C-alpha atoms as a PDB file:
ATOM      1  CA  MET A   1       8.722 -16.020  31.775  1.00  0.00           C
ATOM      2  CA  CYS A   2       4.739 -15.333  32.268  1.00  0.00           C
ATOM      3  CA  ASP A   3       5.434 -11.802  33.378  1.00  0.00           C
ATOM      4  CA  LEU A   4       7.527 -11.187  30.188  1.00  0.00           C
ATOM      5  CA  ASN A   5       4.585 -12.526  28.480  1.00  0.00           C
ATOM      6  CA  GLN A   6       1.678 -10.739  29.707  1.00  0.00           C
ATOM      7  CA  LYS A   7       4.101  -7.539  29.724  1.00  0.00           C
ATOM      8  CA  SER A   8       4.525  -7.968  25.959  1.00  0.00           C
ATOM      9  CA  GLN A   9       1.051  -8.924  25.456  1.00  0.00           C
ATOM     10  CA  SER A  10      -0.488  -5.766  27.134  1.00  0.00           C
ATOM     11  CA  SER A  11       1.341  -3.063  25.974  1.00  0.00           C
ATOM     12  CA  LEU A  12       0.747  -2.438  22.194  1.00  0.00           C
ATOM     13  CA  SER A  13       3.998  -2.413  20.522  1.00  0.00           C
ATOM     14  CA  PRO A  14       4.471  -1.158  16.737  1.00  0.00           C
ATOM     15  CA  GLU A  15       5.212  -4.569  16.012  1.00  0.00           C
ATOM     16  CA  HIS A  16       1.840  -5.762  17.070  1.00  0.00           C
ATOM     17  CA  LEU A  17      -0.149  -2.763  15.515  1.00  0.00           C
ATOM     18  CA  ILE A  18       1.957  -3.819  12.349  1.00  0.00           C
ATOM     19  CA  LEU A  19       0.523  -7.347  12.738  1.00  0.00           C
ATOM     20  CA  GLN A  20      -3.141  -6.134  13.679  1.00  0.00           C
ATOM     21  CA  LEU A  21      -2.794  -4.050  10.183  1.00  0.00           C
ATOM     22  CA  GLN A  22      -2.067  -6.682   8.256  1.00  0.00           C
ATOM     23  CA  LEU A  23      -4.368  -8.964   9.679  1.00  0.00           C
ATOM     24  CA  LEU A  24      -7.246  -6.276   9.129  1.00  0.00           C
ATOM     25  CA  VAL A  25      -6.026  -5.895   5.639  1.00  0.00           C
ATOM     26  CA  TYR A  26      -6.122  -9.634   4.877  1.00  0.00           C
ATOM     27  CA  MET A  27      -9.428  -9.933   6.315  1.00  0.00           C
ATOM     28  CA  ASN A  28     -10.684  -7.240   4.312  1.00  0.00           C
ATOM     29  CA  GLY A  29      -8.700  -8.371   1.014  1.00  0.00           C
ATOM     30  CA  LYS A  30     -10.624 -11.882   1.298  1.00  0.00           C
ATOM     31  CA  ASN A  31     -13.967 -10.322   1.943  1.00  0.00           C
ATOM     32  CA  LEU A  32     -13.408  -8.722  -1.367  1.00  0.00           C
ATOM     33  CA  CYS A  33     -12.507 -11.523  -3.107  1.00  0.00           C
ATOM     34  CA  LYS A  34     -15.808 -13.353  -2.196  1.00  0.00           C
ATOM     35  CA  LYS A  35     -17.617  -9.888  -2.874  1.00  0.00           C
ATOM     36  CA  LEU A  36     -16.065 -10.018  -6.616  1.00  0.00           C
ATOM     37  CA  ARG A  37     -16.717 -13.854  -6.841  1.00  0.00           C
ATOM     38  CA  GLY A  38     -20.256 -13.593  -6.134  1.00  0.00           C
ATOM     39  CA  LYS A  39     -20.481 -11.039  -9.053  1.00  0.00           C
ATOM     40  CA  GLY A  40     -19.009 -13.452 -11.436  1.00  0.00           C
ATOM     41  CA  MET A  41     -15.562 -11.857 -11.306  1.00  0.00           C
ATOM     42  CA  ASN A  42     -12.005 -13.282 -11.185  1.00  0.00           C
ATOM     43  CA  LEU A  43      -9.400 -11.617  -9.643  1.00  0.00           C
ATOM     44  CA  GLY A  44      -7.751 -11.870 -12.913  1.00  0.00           C
ATOM     45  CA  ASP A  45     -10.318 -10.010 -14.526  1.00  0.00           C
ATOM     46  CA  VAL A  46      -9.979  -6.989 -12.596  1.00  0.00           C
END
């Protein structure tokens, strides 16, 4: 079982790349929300 897990982690599968991409977009989105809130704007106003 351990070998299988290590293999799947070391090789970048499309699913893994998609997950990374989604995480990146999510984190960027959170930062954007913070910036907008800092300027006194709500996402509903945009």
